[in-house]
C-alpha atoms as a PDB file:
ATOM      1  CA  MET A   1     105.430 135.777  91.839  1.00  0.00           C
ATOM      2  CA  PRO A   2     102.925 134.449  94.392  1.00  0.00           C
ATOM      3  CA  ALA A   3     103.504 135.638  97.954  1.00  0.00           C
ATOM      4  CA  THR A   4     103.771 132.048  99.120  1.00  0.00           C
ATOM      5  CA  ALA A   5     106.718 131.257  96.822  1.00  0.00           C
ATOM      6  CA  PRO A   6     109.413 132.656  99.174  1.00  0.00           C
ATOM      7  CA  LEU A   7     107.881 130.721 102.075  1.00  0.00           C
ATOM      8  CA  LEU A   8     107.869 127.525 100.037  1.00  0.00           C
ATOM      9  CA  ARG A   9     111.526 128.017  99.126  1.00  0.00           C
ATOM     10  CA  LEU A  10     112.279 128.562 102.811  1.00  0.00           C
ATOM     11  CA  PHE A  11     110.547 125.301 103.793  1.00  0.00           C
ATOM     12  CA  LEU A  12     112.344 123.319 101.130  1.00  0.00           C
ATOM     13  CA  PHE A  13     115.611 124.932 102.239  1.00  0.00           C
ATOM     14  CA  LEU A  14     114.911 123.873 105.838  1.00  0.00           C
ATOM     15  CA  CYS A  15     114.142 120.352 104.638  1.00  0.00           C
ATOM     16  CA  GLY A  16     117.460 120.409 102.810  1.00  0.00           C
ATOM     17  CA  ILE A  17     119.265 121.502 105.979  1.00  0.00           C
ATOM     18  CA  ILE A  18     117.616 118.666 107.904  1.00  0.00           C
ATOM     19  CA  TYR A  19     118.697 116.237 105.197  1.00  0.00           C
ATOM     20  CA  PHE A  20     122.249 117.638 105.143  1.00  0.00           C
ATOM     21  CA  LEU A  21     122.573 117.252 108.898  1.00  0.00           C
ATOM     22  CA  ALA A  22     121.056 113.795 108.699  1.00  0.00           C
ATOM     23  CA  ILE A  23     123.661 112.694 106.172  1.00  0.00           C
ATOM     24  CA  HIS A  24     126.219 113.099 108.926  1.00  0.00           C
ATOM     25  CA  ALA A  25     123.993 111.106 111.267  1.00  0.00           C
ATOM     26  CA  THR A  26     124.133 108.206 108.808  1.00  0.00           C
ATOM     27  CA  ALA A  27     127.821 107.881 109.682  1.00  0.00           C
ATOM     28  CA  TYR A  28     126.366 105.908 112.554  1.00  0.00           C
ATOM     29  CA  GLN A  29     126.429 102.192 112.005  1.00  0.00           C
ATOM     30  CA  PHE A  30     123.699  99.755 112.901  1.00  0.00           C
ATOM     31  CA  ARG A  31     123.952  96.246 114.256  1.00  0.00           C
ATOM     32  CA  GLU A  32     122.613  93.284 112.349  1.00  0.00           C
ATOM     33  CA  ALA A  33     119.252  92.257 113.764  1.00  0.00           C
ATOM     34  CA  PRO A  34     118.482  88.661 114.651  1.00  0.00           C
ATOM     35  CA  GLN A  35     116.717  86.636 112.006  1.00  0.00           C
ATOM     36  CA  PHE A  36     113.121  85.809 112.868  1.00  0.00           C
ATOM     37  CA  TYR A  37     111.322  82.732 111.581  1.00  0.00           C
ATOM     38  CA  ASN A  38     107.721  81.828 110.892  1.00  0.00           C
ATOM     39  CA  SER A  39     105.841  79.708 113.370  1.00  0.00           C
ATOM     40  CA  PRO A  40     104.947  76.206 112.094  1.00  0.00           C
ATOM     41  CA  ASP A  41     101.392  77.226 111.190  1.00  0.00           C
ATOM     42  CA  CYS A  42     102.420  80.087 108.886  1.00  0.00           C
ATOM     43  CA  PRO A  43     101.809  79.715 105.135  1.00  0.00           C
ATOM     44  CA  SER A  44     104.966  79.757 103.033  1.00  0.00           C
ATOM     45  CA  ILE A  45     105.597  82.374 100.354  1.00  0.00           C
ATOM     46  CA  ASN A  46     108.477  82.515  97.879  1.00  0.00           C
ATOM     47  CA  ASP A  47     111.942  83.700  98.857  1.00  0.00           C
ATOM     48  CA  HIS A  48     113.417  87.082  97.932  1.00  0.00           C
ATOM     49  CA  ASP A  49     116.609  87.682  96.016  1.00  0.00           C
ATOM     50  CA  ALA A  50     120.013  88.678  97.367  1.00  0.00           C
ATOM     51  CA  GLU A  51     119.360  92.398  96.968  1.00  0.00           C
ATOM     52  CA  GLY A  52     116.348  92.345  99.231  1.00  0.00           C
ATOM     53  CA  TYR A  53     113.782  92.516  96.441  1.00  0.00           C
ATOM     54  CA  SER A  54     110.877  90.147  96.735  1.00  0.00           C
ATOM     55  CA  HIS A  55     109.895  88.185  93.660  1.00  0.00           C
ATOM     56  CA  GLU A  56     106.643  89.337  92.070  1.00  0.00           C
ATOM     57  CA  THR A  57     104.865  86.146  93.146  1.00  0.00           C
ATOM     58  CA  SER A  58     105.866  86.896  96.741  1.00  0.00           C
ATOM     59  CA  ILE A  59     104.798  90.525  96.554  1.00  0.00           C
ATOM     60  CA  CYS A  60     101.420  89.485  95.193  1.00  0.00           C
ATOM     61  CA  SER A  61     100.859  86.595  97.583  1.00  0.00           C
ATOM     62  CA  ASP A  62      97.582  86.680  99.499  1.00  0.00           C
ATOM     63  CA  ASP A  63      99.519  85.430 102.523  1.00  0.00           C
ATOM     64  CA  ALA A  64     101.854  88.448 102.637  1.00  0.00           C
ATOM     65  CA  VAL A  65     101.403  91.264 105.140  1.00  0.00           C
ATOM     66  CA  HIS A  66     102.359  94.571 103.546  1.00  0.00           C
ATOM     67  CA  VAL A  67     103.845  97.436 105.556  1.00  0.00           C
ATOM     68  CA  ALA A  68     104.578 100.873 104.087  1.00  0.00           C
ATOM     69  CA  MET A  69     106.893 103.432 105.665  1.00  0.00           C
ATOM     70  CA  THR A  70     108.756 106.503 104.491  1.00  0.00           C
ATOM     71  CA  LEU A  71     112.525 106.279 104.707  1.00  0.00           C
ATOM     72  CA  ASP A  72     115.005 109.096 105.066  1.00  0.00           C
ATOM     73  CA  ALA A  73     118.329 109.784 106.712  1.00  0.00           C
ATOM     74  CA  ALA A  74     116.819 111.992 109.409  1.00  0.00           C
ATOM     75  CA  TYR A  75     114.573 109.237 110.768  1.00  0.00           C
ATOM     76  CA  ILE A  76     116.529 106.135 109.764  1.00  0.00           C
ATOM     77  CA  ARG A  77     117.294 105.257 113.386  1.00  0.00           C
ATOM     78  CA  GLY A  78     113.608 105.273 114.235  1.00  0.00           C
ATOM     79  CA  SER A  79     112.795 103.270 111.111  1.00  0.00           C
ATOM     80  CA  MET A  80     115.282 100.563 112.058  1.00  0.00           C
ATOM     81  CA  ALA A  81     113.710 100.229 115.499  1.00  0.00           C
ATOM     82  CA  ALA A  82     110.217 100.075 114.013  1.00  0.00           C
ATOM     83  CA  ILE A  83     111.203  97.332 111.559  1.00  0.00           C
ATOM     84  CA  LEU A  84     112.814  95.284 114.318  1.00  0.00           C
ATOM     85  CA  SER A  85     109.721  95.601 116.499  1.00  0.00           C
ATOM     86  CA  VAL A  86     107.434  94.458 113.677  1.00  0.00           C
ATOM     87  CA  LEU A  87     109.530  91.379 112.977  1.00  0.00           C
ATOM     88  CA  GLN A  88     110.165  90.487 116.602  1.00  0.00           C
ATOM     89  CA  HIS A  89     106.481  90.373 117.491  1.00  0.00           C
ATOM     90  CA  ALA A  90     105.112  88.901 114.257  1.00  0.00           C
ATOM     91  CA  THR A  91     103.875  85.321 114.231  1.00  0.00           C
ATOM     92  CA  CYS A  92     104.860  85.067 110.557  1.00  0.00           C
ATOM     93  CA  PRO A  93     107.778  87.533 110.175  1.00  0.00           C
ATOM     94  CA  GLU A  94     108.993  85.928 106.939  1.00  0.00           C
ATOM     95  CA  ASN A  95     105.660  86.851 105.352  1.00  0.00           C
ATOM     96  CA  VAL A  96     105.989  90.578 106.041  1.00  0.00           C
ATOM     97  CA  ASN A  97     106.820  92.703 102.997  1.00  0.00           C
ATOM     98  CA  PHE A  98     108.106  96.222 103.615  1.00  0.00           C
ATOM     99  CA  HIS A  99     107.542  99.028 101.122  1.00  0.00           C
ATOM    100  CA  PHE A 100     109.833 101.989 101.820  1.00  0.00           C
ATOM    101  CA  VAL A 101     109.199 105.338 100.141  1.00  0.00           C
ATOM    102  CA  ALA A 102     112.243 107.612  99.857  1.00  0.00           C
ATOM    103  CA  SER A 103     112.649 111.070  98.372  1.00  0.00           C
ATOM    104  CA  ALA A 104     113.954 111.062  94.813  1.00  0.00           C
ATOM    105  CA  SER A 105     116.716 113.402  96.022  1.00  0.00           C
ATOM    106  CA  ALA A 106     117.857 110.988  98.754  1.00  0.00           C
ATOM    107  CA  ASP A 107     120.671 108.477  98.397  1.00  0.00           C
ATOM    108  CA  ALA A 108     118.374 105.515  97.857  1.00  0.00           C
ATOM    109  CA  HIS A 109     121.285 103.116  97.397  1.00  0.00           C
ATOM    110  CA  HIS A 110     122.705 104.037 100.798  1.00  0.00           C
ATOM    111  CA  LEU A 111     119.305 103.716 102.468  1.00  0.00           C
ATOM    112  CA  ARG A 112     118.725 100.355 100.794  1.00  0.00           C
ATOM    113  CA  ARG A 113     122.116  99.003 101.872  1.00  0.00           C
ATOM    114  CA  THR A 114     121.603 100.280 105.420  1.00  0.00           C
ATOM    115  CA  ILE A 115     118.368  98.301 105.671  1.00  0.00           C
ATOM    116  CA  ALA A 116     119.831  95.219 103.978  1.00  0.00           C
ATOM    117  CA  ASN A 117     122.916  95.169 106.197  1.00  0.00           C
ATOM    118  CA  SER A 118     120.889  95.070 109.381  1.00  0.00           C
ATOM    119  CA  PHE A 119     118.082  92.899 107.982  1.00  0.00           C
ATOM    120  CA  PRO A 120     119.705  90.589 105.385  1.00  0.00           C
ATOM    121  CA  TYR A 121     116.590  88.436 105.081  1.00  0.00           C
ATOM    122  CA  LEU A 122     114.028  91.231 104.953  1.00  0.00           C
ATOM    123  CA  ARG A 123     111.547  91.322 102.080  1.00  0.00           C
ATOM    124  CA  PHE A 124     111.503  94.936 100.959  1.00  0.00           C
ATOM    125  CA  ARG A 125     111.480  97.415  98.130  1.00  0.00           C
ATOM    126  CA  VAL A 126     112.434 101.088  98.014  1.00  0.00           C
ATOM    127  CA  TYR A 127     110.296 103.429  95.910  1.00  0.00           C
ATOM    128  CA  ARG A 128     111.422 106.877  94.790  1.00  0.00           C
ATOM    129  CA  PHE A 129     108.996 109.688  95.569  1.00  0.00           C
ATOM    130  CA  ASP A 130     109.157 112.796  93.390  1.00  0.00           C
ATOM    131  CA  ASP A 131     109.102 115.756  95.788  1.00  0.00           C
ATOM    132  CA  SER A 132     107.776 118.014  93.046  1.00  0.00           C
ATOM    133  CA  ALA A 133     104.462 116.152  93.180  1.00  0.00           C
ATOM    134  CA  VAL A 134     103.616 118.031  96.372  1.00  0.00           C
ATOM    135  CA  SER A 135     106.226 120.774  96.831  1.00  0.00           C
ATOM    136  CA  GLY A 136     103.940 123.353  95.239  1.00  0.00           C
ATOM    137  CA  LEU A 137     101.015 122.302  97.441  1.00  0.00           C
ATOM    138  CA  ILE A 138     102.660 122.453 100.871  1.00  0.00           C
ATOM    139  CA  SER A 139     101.528 125.176 103.242  1.00  0.00           C
ATOM    140  CA  THR A 140     103.299 126.255 106.385  1.00  0.00           C
ATOM    141  CA  SER A 141     102.360 124.398 109.551  1.00  0.00           C
ATOM    142  CA  ILE A 142     103.212 124.662 113.225  1.00  0.00           C
ATOM    143  CA  ARG A 143     106.386 122.530 112.933  1.00  0.00           C
ATOM    144  CA  ALA A 144     108.927 122.658 110.088  1.00  0.00           C
ATOM    145  CA  ALA A 145     109.404 118.874 110.061  1.00  0.00           C
ATOM    146  CA  LEU A 146     105.748 118.503 109.081  1.00  0.00           C
ATOM    147  CA  ASP A 147     106.294 120.545 105.919  1.00  0.00           C
ATOM    148  CA  CYS A 148     108.841 118.325 104.164  1.00  0.00           C
ATOM    149  CA  PRO A 149     107.475 116.724 100.975  1.00  0.00           C
ATOM    150  CA  LEU A 150     108.144 113.147 102.112  1.00  0.00           C
ATOM    151  CA  ASN A 151     105.606 113.655 104.898  1.00  0.00           C
ATOM    152  CA  TYR A 152     102.965 113.678 102.148  1.00  0.00           C
ATOM    153  CA  ALA A 153     104.101 110.472 100.441  1.00  0.00           C
ATOM    154  CA  ARG A 154     101.382 108.483 102.246  1.00  0.00           C
ATOM    155  CA  ASN A 155      98.904 110.250  99.941  1.00  0.00           C
ATOM    156  CA  TYR A 156     100.444 108.453  96.953  1.00  0.00           C
ATOM    157  CA  LEU A 157     100.876 104.871  98.172  1.00  0.00           C
ATOM    158  CA  ALA A 158      98.204 103.585  95.800  1.00  0.00           C
ATOM    159  CA  ASP A 159     100.214 104.979  92.874  1.00  0.00           C
ATOM    160  CA  LEU A 160     103.636 103.862  94.114  1.00  0.00           C
ATOM    161  CA  LEU A 161     102.993 100.288  95.230  1.00  0.00           C
ATOM    162  CA  PRO A 162     102.333  97.411  92.791  1.00  0.00           C
ATOM    163  CA  THR A 163      98.682  97.130  91.802  1.00  0.00           C
ATOM    164  CA  CYS A 164      98.545  93.582  93.121  1.00  0.00           C
ATOM    165  CA  VAL A 165      99.070  94.931  96.658  1.00  0.00           C
ATOM    166  CA  ARG A 166      95.501  95.269  97.823  1.00  0.00           C
ATOM    167  CA  ARG A 167      95.926  96.216 101.479  1.00  0.00           C
ATOM    168  CA  VAL A 168      98.776  97.895 103.344  1.00  0.00           C
ATOM    169  CA  VAL A 169      99.530  98.967 106.897  1.00  0.00           C
ATOM    170  CA  TYR A 170     101.080 102.434 106.916  1.00  0.00           C
ATOM    171  CA  LEU A 171     103.399 103.171 109.845  1.00  0.00           C
ATOM    172  CA  ASP A 172     105.327 106.253 110.888  1.00  0.00           C
ATOM    173  CA  SER A 173     109.016 105.851 111.759  1.00  0.00           C
ATOM    174  CA  ASP A 174     108.733 106.987 115.389  1.00  0.00           C
ATOM    175  CA  LEU A 175     106.942 103.969 116.802  1.00  0.00           C
ATOM    176  CA  VAL A 176     107.401 100.387 117.926  1.00  0.00           C
ATOM    177  CA  LEU A 177     104.985  97.476 117.935  1.00  0.00           C
ATOM    178  CA  VAL A 178     104.658  95.055 120.828  1.00  0.00           C
ATOM    179  CA  ASP A 179     102.025  92.879 119.164  1.00  0.00           C
ATOM    180  CA  ASP A 180     101.565  90.892 115.951  1.00  0.00           C
ATOM    181  CA  ILE A 181     101.106  93.243 112.996  1.00  0.00           C
ATOM    182  CA  ALA A 182      98.971  90.621 111.240  1.00  0.00           C
ATOM    183  CA  LYS A 183      96.238  91.361 113.773  1.00  0.00           C
ATOM    184  CA  LEU A 184      96.267  95.030 112.782  1.00  0.00           C
ATOM    185  CA  GLU A 185      96.430  94.198 109.080  1.00  0.00           C
ATOM    186  CA  ALA A 186      93.344  91.978 109.424  1.00  0.00           C
ATOM    187  CA  THR A 187      91.170  94.855 110.701  1.00  0.00           C
ATOM    188  CA  PRO A 188      87.693  94.549 109.102  1.00  0.00           C
ATOM    189  CA  LEU A 189      86.990  97.454 106.760  1.00  0.00           C
ATOM    190  CA  GLY A 190      83.341  96.634 106.177  1.00  0.00           C
ATOM    191  CA  ASP A 191      81.678  97.067 102.821  1.00  0.00           C
ATOM    192  CA  HIS A 192      82.760 100.610 102.039  1.00  0.00           C
ATOM    193  CA  SER A 193      85.572 101.970 104.238  1.00  0.00           C
ATOM    194  CA  VAL A 194      88.851 102.784 102.520  1.00  0.00           C
ATOM    195  CA  LEU A 195      90.945 102.930 105.649  1.00  0.00           C
ATOM    196  CA  ALA A 196      90.920 102.041 109.322  1.00  0.00           C
ATOM    197  CA  ALA A 197      92.576 103.835 112.226  1.00  0.00           C
ATOM    198  CA  PRO A 198      91.947 104.485 115.914  1.00  0.00           C
ATOM    199  CA  GLU A 199      89.543 107.410 116.323  1.00  0.00           C
ATOM    200  CA  TYR A 200      89.613 109.974 119.125  1.00  0.00           C
ATOM    201  CA  CYS A 201      86.188 111.587 119.312  1.00  0.00           C
ATOM    202  CA  ASN A 202      86.980 113.449 122.538  1.00  0.00           C
ATOM    203  CA  ALA A 203      89.578 115.574 120.748  1.00  0.00           C
ATOM    204  CA  ASN A 204      88.576 119.110 119.763  1.00  0.00           C
ATOM    205  CA  PHE A 205      87.952 118.430 116.093  1.00  0.00           C
ATOM    206  CA  THR A 206      87.177 122.051 115.247  1.00  0.00           C
ATOM    207  CA  SER A 207      90.695 123.138 116.248  1.00  0.00           C
ATOM    208  CA  TYR A 208      92.218 121.452 113.207  1.00  0.00           C
ATOM    209  CA  PHE A 209      90.578 123.985 110.875  1.00  0.00           C
ATOM    210  CA  THR A 210      90.650 127.773 110.720  1.00  0.00           C
ATOM    211  CA  PRO A 211      87.769 130.203 111.331  1.00  0.00           C
ATOM    212  CA  THR A 212      87.823 130.786 107.575  1.00  0.00           C
ATOM    213  CA  PHE A 213      86.829 127.163 107.076  1.00  0.00           C
ATOM    214  CA  TRP A 214      84.086 127.055 109.704  1.00  0.00           C
ATOM    215  CA  SER A 215      82.592 130.415 108.683  1.00  0.00           C
ATOM    216  CA  ASN A 216      82.147 129.295 105.072  1.00  0.00           C
ATOM    217  CA  PRO A 217      78.999 127.116 104.832  1.00  0.00           C
ATOM    218  CA  SER A 218      80.104 125.519 101.570  1.00  0.00           C
ATOM    219  CA  LEU A 219      83.208 124.266 103.373  1.00  0.00           C
ATOM    220  CA  SER A 220      81.948 123.478 106.865  1.00  0.00           C
ATOM    221  CA  LEU A 221      79.086 121.431 105.400  1.00  0.00           C
ATOM    222  CA  THR A 222      81.766 118.977 104.262  1.00  0.00           C
ATOM    223  CA  PHE A 223      81.234 117.177 107.563  1.00  0.00           C
ATOM    224  CA  ALA A 224      77.434 117.274 107.478  1.00  0.00           C
ATOM    225  CA  GLY A 225      75.986 113.851 108.229  1.00  0.00           C
ATOM    226  CA  ARG A 226      79.397 112.509 109.246  1.00  0.00           C
ATOM    227  CA  ASN A 227      80.364 111.664 112.814  1.00  0.00           C
ATOM    228  CA  ALA A 228      83.742 113.201 112.138  1.00  0.00           C
ATOM    229  CA  CYS A 229      86.457 112.448 114.693  1.00  0.00           C
ATOM    230  CA  TYR A 230      90.183 113.035 114.827  1.00  0.00           C
ATOM    231  CA  PHE A 231      92.431 110.145 113.831  1.00  0.00           C
ATOM    232  CA  ASN A 232      96.219 109.973 113.633  1.00  0.00           C
ATOM    233  CA  THR A 233      97.551 109.202 110.153  1.00  0.00           C
ATOM    234  CA  GLY A 234     100.748 107.632 111.508  1.00  0.00           C
ATOM    235  CA  VAL A 235      99.025 104.245 111.845  1.00  0.00           C
ATOM    236  CA  MET A 236      96.506 103.281 109.164  1.00  0.00           C
ATOM    237  CA  VAL A 237      95.215 100.178 107.433  1.00  0.00           C
ATOM    238  CA  ILE A 238      94.447 101.113 103.823  1.00  0.00           C
ATOM    239  CA  ASP A 239      92.492  99.227 101.178  1.00  0.00           C
ATOM    240  CA  LEU A 240      94.494 100.258  98.114  1.00  0.00           C
ATOM    241  CA  GLN A 241      91.978  98.802  95.671  1.00  0.00           C
ATOM    242  CA  ARG A 242      89.194 100.974  97.075  1.00  0.00           C
ATOM    243  CA  TRP A 243      91.555 103.949  97.229  1.00  0.00           C
ATOM    244  CA  ARG A 244      92.410 103.559  93.552  1.00  0.00           C
ATOM    245  CA  ALA A 245      88.780 102.994  92.545  1.00  0.00           C
ATOM    246  CA  GLY A 246      87.695 106.137  94.380  1.00  0.00           C
ATOM    247  CA  ASP A 247      90.693 108.211  93.200  1.00  0.00           C
ATOM    248  CA  TYR A 248      91.274 109.427  96.745  1.00  0.00           C
ATOM    249  CA  THR A 249      94.687 110.873  95.950  1.00  0.00           C
ATOM    250  CA  THR A 250      92.960 113.425  93.733  1.00  0.00           C
ATOM    251  CA  LYS A 251      90.436 114.222  96.477  1.00  0.00           C
ATOM    252  CA  ILE A 252      93.243 114.945  98.947  1.00  0.00           C
ATOM    253  CA  VAL A 253      95.161 117.042  96.405  1.00  0.00           C
ATOM    254  CA  GLU A 254      92.046 119.137  95.705  1.00  0.00           C
ATOM    255  CA  TRP A 255      91.859 120.146  99.361  1.00  0.00           C
ATOM    256  CA  MET A 256      95.570 120.967  99.358  1.00  0.00           C
ATOM    257  CA  GLU A 257      95.061 123.171  96.307  1.00  0.00           C
ATOM    258  CA  LEU A 258      92.240 125.003  98.073  1.00  0.00           C
ATOM    259  CA  GLN A 259      94.477 125.472 101.115  1.00  0.00           C
ATOM    260  CA  LYS A 260      96.957 127.319  98.901  1.00  0.00           C
ATOM    261  CA  ARG A 261      94.226 129.747  97.850  1.00  0.00           C
ATOM    262  CA  MET A 262      92.615 130.268 101.268  1.00  0.00           C
ATOM    263  CA  ARG A 263      94.061 129.017 104.538  1.00  0.00           C
ATOM    264  CA  ILE A 264      91.566 126.517 105.931  1.00  0.00           C
ATOM    265  CA  TYR A 265      93.801 124.445 108.239  1.00  0.00           C
ATOM    266  CA  GLU A 266      97.079 124.638 110.149  1.00  0.00           C
ATOM    267  CA  LEU A 267      98.603 121.198 110.716  1.00  0.00           C
ATOM    268  CA  GLY A 268     100.529 119.793 107.738  1.00  0.00           C
ATOM    269  CA  SER A 269      99.336 116.622 106.000  1.00  0.00           C
ATOM    270  CA  LEU A 270      96.682 115.586 108.551  1.00  0.00           C
ATOM    271  CA  PRO A 271      93.739 117.921 107.770  1.00  0.00           C
ATOM    272  CA  PRO A 272      93.275 116.802 104.136  1.00  0.00           C
ATOM    273  CA  PHE A 273      92.914 113.219 105.413  1.00  0.00           C
ATOM    274  CA  LEU A 274      90.327 114.402 107.932  1.00  0.00           C
ATOM    275  CA  LEU A 275      88.440 116.314 105.260  1.00  0.00           C
ATOM    276  CA  VAL A 276      88.237 113.269 103.002  1.00  0.00           C
ATOM    277  CA  PHE A 277      87.880 110.424 105.491  1.00  0.00           C
ATOM    278  CA  ALA A 278      86.822 111.590 108.975  1.00  0.00           C
ATOM    279  CA  GLY A 279      83.571 109.936 109.953  1.00  0.00           C
ATOM    280  CA  ASN A 280      83.889 107.302 107.245  1.00  0.00           C
ATOM    281  CA  ILE A 281      86.721 105.119 108.527  1.00  0.00           C
ATOM    282  CA  ALA A 282      86.615 101.691 110.118  1.00  0.00           C
ATOM    283  CA  PRO A 283      87.432 101.685 113.836  1.00  0.00           C
ATOM    284  CA  VAL A 284      90.622 100.258 115.314  1.00  0.00           C
ATOM    285  CA  ASP A 285      91.204  99.610 119.004  1.00  0.00           C
ATOM    286  CA  HIS A 286      93.153 102.455 120.639  1.00  0.00           C
ATOM    287  CA  LYS A 287      95.818  99.996 121.770  1.00  0.00           C
ATOM    288  CA  TRP A 288      97.133 100.082 118.197  1.00  0.00           C
ATOM    289  CA  ASN A 289      98.186 103.714 118.471  1.00  0.00           C
ATOM    290  CA  GLN A 290      99.294 104.887 121.890  1.00  0.00           C
ATOM    291  CA  HIS A 291     100.241 108.171 120.266  1.00  0.00           C
ATOM    292  CA  GLY A 292     101.533 111.491 121.550  1.00  0.00           C
ATOM    293  CA  LEU A 293     104.502 110.036 123.448  1.00  0.00           C
ATOM    294  CA  GLY A 294     106.725 112.684 121.824  1.00  0.00           C
ATOM    295  CA  GLY A 295     104.749 115.428 123.545  1.00  0.00           C
ATOM    296  CA  ASP A 296     103.213 118.356 121.710  1.00  0.00           C
ATOM    297  CA  ASN A 297     104.502 120.003 118.539  1.00  0.00           C
ATOM    298  CA  PHE A 298     106.204 122.833 120.421  1.00  0.00           C
ATOM    299  CA  ARG A 299     108.125 121.543 123.451  1.00  0.00           C
ATOM    300  CA  GLY A 300     107.931 117.751 123.225  1.00  0.00           C
ATOM    301  CA  LEU A 301     107.352 117.262 126.944  1.00  0.00           C
ATOM    302  CA  CYS A 302     107.073 113.814 128.519  1.00  0.00           C
ATOM    303  CA  ARG A 303     103.704 112.131 128.494  1.00  0.00           C
ATOM    304  CA  ASP A 304     102.176 109.048 130.057  1.00  0.00           C
ATOM    305  CA  LEU A 305     100.436 106.194 128.303  1.00  0.00           C
ATOM    306  CA  HIS A 306      96.715 106.423 127.750  1.00  0.00           C
ATOM    307  CA  PRO A 307      94.715 104.033 129.949  1.00  0.00           C
ATOM    308  CA  GLY A 308      94.240 100.539 128.591  1.00  0.00           C
ATOM    309  CA  PRO A 309      96.240  97.829 126.811  1.00  0.00           C
ATOM    310  CA  VAL A 310      99.144  98.595 124.467  1.00  0.00           C
ATOM    311  CA  SER A 311      99.986  97.027 121.100  1.00  0.00           C
ATOM    312  CA  LEU A 312     101.840  99.981 119.550  1.00  0.00           C
ATOM    313  CA  LEU A 313     103.724 102.905 121.111  1.00  0.00           C
ATOM    314  CA  HIS A 314     103.967 106.034 118.987  1.00  0.00           C
ATOM    315  CA  TRP A 315     106.275 108.966 119.742  1.00  0.00           C
ATOM    316  CA  SER A 316     104.296 111.442 117.650  1.00  0.00           C
ATOM    317  CA  GLY A 317     105.044 115.040 118.567  1.00  0.00           C
ATOM    318  CA  LYS A 318     108.288 116.979 118.714  1.00  0.00           C
ATOM    319  CA  GLY A 319     110.255 114.762 121.109  1.00  0.00           C
ATOM    320  CA  LYS A 320     111.830 111.615 119.646  1.00  0.00           C
ATOM    321  CA  PRO A 321     113.159 108.895 121.948  1.00  0.00           C
ATOM    322  CA  TRP A 322     116.550 108.530 120.242  1.00  0.00           C
ATOM    323  CA  ALA A 323     117.217 112.274 120.479  1.00  0.00           C
ATOM    324  CA  ARG A 324     116.229 112.427 124.137  1.00  0.00           C
ATOM    325  CA  LEU A 325     118.311 109.349 124.978  1.00  0.00           C
ATOM    326  CA  ASP A 326     121.353 110.812 123.193  1.00  0.00           C
ATOM    327  CA  ALA A 327     120.909 114.070 125.130  1.00  0.00           C
ATOM    328  CA  ASN A 328     120.717 112.145 128.416  1.00  0.00           C
ATOM    329  CA  ARG A 329     117.275 113.637 128.988  1.00  0.00           C
ATOM    330  CA  PRO A 330     114.990 110.684 128.337  1.00  0.00           C
ATOM    331  CA  CYS A 331     111.375 110.494 129.319  1.00  0.00           C
ATOM    332  CA  PRO A 332     110.370 107.412 131.324  1.00  0.00           C
ATOM    333  CA  LEU A 333     108.606 105.781 128.374  1.00  0.00           C
ATOM    334  CA  ASP A 334     111.669 106.173 126.137  1.00  0.00           C
ATOM    335  CA  ALA A 335     113.039 103.138 127.972  1.00  0.00           C
ATOM    336  CA  LEU A 336     110.422 101.095 126.098  1.00  0.00           C
ATOM    337  CA  TRP A 337     111.890 102.197 122.755  1.00  0.00           C
ATOM    338  CA  ALA A 338     115.546 101.674 123.681  1.00  0.00           C
ATOM    339  CA  PRO A 339     115.597  97.823 123.382  1.00  0.00           C
ATOM    340  CA  TYR A 340     114.770  98.142 119.670  1.00  0.00           C
ATOM    341  CA  ASP A 341     117.564 100.638 118.950  1.00  0.00           C
ATOM    342  CA  LEU A 342     120.038  98.998 116.571  1.00  0.00           C
ATOM    343  CA  LEU A 343     122.558 101.833 116.642  1.00  0.00           C
ATOM    344  CA  LYS A 344     126.094 100.640 117.303  1.00  0.00           C
ATOM    345  CA  THR A 345     127.712 102.353 120.245  1.00  0.00           C
ATOM    346  CA  PRO A 346     131.213 103.853 119.731  1.00  0.00           C
ATOM    347  CA  PHE A 347     132.642 100.994 121.782  1.00  0.00           C
ATOM    348  CA  ALA A 348     131.112  98.414 119.469  1.00  0.00           C
ATOM    349  CA  LEU A 349     132.076  99.877 116.103  1.00  0.00           C
ATOM    350  CA  ASP A 350     135.194  97.749 115.795  1.00  0.00           C
ATOM    351  CA  ASN A 351     133.350  94.489 116.497  1.00  0.00           C
END
């Protein structure tokens, strides 16, 4: 038996514990969000059915804005806030289609009804993600939450979503938008780029890979001729047609397979994206990912905003705003997340 097999079983067990604990968290109830309407200048696309599923003509409409997120019980409270923020600040909220990816082992019916109860008019679909697609490829990282299979579902969006969906905005669940998502979705990708994201070229790029990687010329030359910079995969605009044409899922999986044979990176699902795309992505203004508000991956300490304008606040890192608010130990910026929290308080449950 490979030496990594016991570690893999341990990670999947920890993911199961997180899921088990989160099931109890779903005893929480969420308020119904207000309904948001298109502005007069918005194009009209077909209505969805009573179960929240958009008709195929709506899904395939060129006027739809597509948003993909993972969905699980552990982060459902963050997901609800993110959805509300997208709709509240969209010029054409009725034209936003959500694509939620849930683990095949999750209670998809419960997740679907939770979303539909709070957002009765939302256009959305829930897709089941087979954990076994990646469970044998996951390596240990610096934080257990980063090792759960659903964290890798973004690698497979091109396979999961309908082929008529040509472009999608991928969002993590620990963020809120304060600007119109259509502006982000319309990011120019140029003639060749597969994805767009804010880049951070001042970050220490070499730290994301091990000495084993940098000491091997056949590996380190991967970045030769590329102005490779760090980017956060929690906010991305992806051209799914180009992704499919270039078979980028396979390219990412190949790096993950190599990682299982020789440890070349440390941080979960991010490094394979850097290996495949860094230096070849279209730029996005930093205002679209004010990331790191959850602190680092160890202590989750409070952080300030980066200088400049803000269109999206992202609590990446260990500290999540809902957990800190519940513990009565919020960071100052958590107050910016709180207005989007749809959780019913105990005093409101009977209303």
